[in-house]
């Protein structure tokens, strides 16, 4: 709620544009490894690529939704322990990894 009682629409995080020397992440096909997946954080829906930091089975991973001309392609990163997964997430947001 903004001043004056106006509702402000939430606009999510936008990852930085790729930095010089950015690293290409080996995205993998999504596999049903867990019955429940919790999305901890996500980037803005207004972008062509939306990233989600997910948690399942005690591990974290990043899911990528790429809006292609023929539909949405969903892929995911390697499933990692908390600290390396959060490092990966931060590097995606900073534009060091795509």
Protein backbone atom coordinates (compact mmCIF):
# COMPACT_ATOMS: atom_id res chain seq x y z
CA UNK A 1 0.00 0.00 0.00
CA UNK A 2 1.46 3.34 -1.01
CA UNK A 3 0.88 6.74 0.59
CA UNK A 4 -2.64 8.00 0.07
CA UNK A 5 -4.15 4.49 0.02
CA UNK A 6 -3.10 3.63 -3.56
CA UNK A 7 -2.19 0.02 -4.28
CA UNK A 8 1.27 -0.44 -5.78
CA UNK A 9 1.76 -3.45 -8.03
CA UNK A 10 4.86 -5.47 -7.07
CA UNK A 11 7.48 -5.49 -9.79
CA UNK A 12 9.97 -8.32 -9.21
CA UNK A 13 13.74 -8.44 -9.38
CA UNK A 14 15.31 -7.97 -12.81
CA UNK A 15 18.59 -9.86 -13.31
CA UNK A 16 21.45 -7.68 -14.52
CA UNK A 17 22.39 -7.80 -18.19
CA UNK A 18 25.16 -10.32 -18.89
CA UNK A 19 28.56 -8.99 -17.81
CA UNK A 20 31.69 -9.27 -19.95
CA UNK A 21 33.00 -12.84 -19.71
CA UNK A 22 29.72 -14.25 -18.36
CA UNK A 23 29.53 -18.02 -17.93
CA UNK A 24 26.96 -20.23 -19.67
CA UNK A 25 25.27 -22.53 -17.20
CA UNK A 26 24.63 -26.10 -18.40
CA UNK A 27 20.84 -26.08 -18.02
CA UNK A 28 19.24 -29.52 -17.71
CA UNK A 29 15.86 -30.94 -18.57
CA UNK A 30 13.48 -30.85 -15.58
CA UNK A 31 13.00 -34.24 -13.97
CA UNK A 32 10.40 -35.14 -11.33
CA UNK A 33 12.83 -35.64 -8.42
CA UNK A 34 10.53 -34.47 -5.61
CA UNK A 35 6.78 -34.51 -4.96
CA UNK A 36 6.83 -30.91 -3.69
CA UNK A 37 8.99 -28.00 -4.81
CA UNK A 38 8.98 -24.69 -2.98
CA UNK A 39 9.84 -21.48 -4.84
CA UNK A 40 11.91 -19.32 -2.47
CA UNK A 41 12.60 -16.37 -4.79
CA UNK A 42 11.86 -15.44 -8.39
CA UNK A 43 12.64 -12.77 -10.95
CA UNK A 44 10.11 -10.51 -12.62
CA UNK A 45 7.45 -12.02 -14.90
CA UNK A 46 7.82 -9.15 -17.40
CA UNK A 47 11.09 -10.61 -18.74
CA UNK A 48 11.51 -13.21 -21.51
CA UNK A 49 13.47 -15.36 -19.08
CA UNK A 50 12.14 -15.88 -15.56
CA UNK A 51 14.33 -17.54 -12.94
CA UNK A 52 13.16 -19.24 -9.74
CA UNK A 53 15.25 -20.29 -6.76
CA UNK A 54 13.64 -23.55 -5.67
CA UNK A 55 13.99 -25.93 -2.74
CA UNK A 56 13.11 -29.62 -2.57
CA UNK A 57 14.40 -32.62 -0.68
CA UNK A 58 16.89 -30.53 1.32
CA UNK A 59 18.55 -29.16 -1.83
CA UNK A 60 18.23 -25.95 -3.82
CA UNK A 61 18.28 -25.36 -7.55
CA UNK A 62 17.43 -22.67 -10.06
CA UNK A 63 14.65 -23.18 -12.55
CA UNK A 64 14.61 -21.16 -15.79
CA UNK A 65 11.45 -20.40 -17.80
CA UNK A 66 12.38 -19.20 -21.29
CA UNK A 67 9.55 -17.77 -23.37
CA UNK A 68 10.36 -18.89 -26.90
CA UNK A 69 8.28 -18.22 -30.02
CA UNK A 70 6.85 -21.75 -29.88
CA UNK A 71 6.10 -21.82 -26.13
CA UNK A 72 7.80 -21.85 -22.75
CA UNK A 73 10.90 -23.98 -22.28
CA UNK A 74 11.57 -24.89 -18.65
CA UNK A 75 14.97 -26.15 -17.53
CA UNK A 76 16.86 -26.32 -14.26
CA UNK A 77 20.33 -26.11 -12.81
CA UNK A 78 22.10 -28.82 -10.90
CA UNK A 79 20.58 -29.48 -7.46
CA UNK A 80 23.00 -28.19 -4.83
CA UNK A 81 23.45 -27.65 -1.11
CA UNK A 82 22.36 -24.27 0.22
CA UNK A 83 25.58 -22.21 0.03
CA UNK A 84 26.64 -23.16 -3.53
CA UNK A 85 23.02 -22.83 -4.72
CA UNK A 86 22.67 -19.36 -3.22
CA UNK A 87 26.02 -18.39 -4.78
CA UNK A 88 24.71 -19.58 -8.16
CA UNK A 89 21.46 -17.62 -7.67
CA UNK A 90 23.39 -14.45 -6.79
CA UNK A 91 25.65 -14.84 -9.84
CA UNK A 92 22.60 -15.22 -12.09
CA UNK A 93 21.09 -12.02 -10.64
CA UNK A 94 24.40 -10.16 -11.05
CA UNK A 95 24.73 -11.19 -14.72
CA UNK A 96 27.81 -13.39 -14.24
CA UNK A 97 25.99 -16.58 -15.26
CA UNK A 98 23.19 -17.22 -17.77
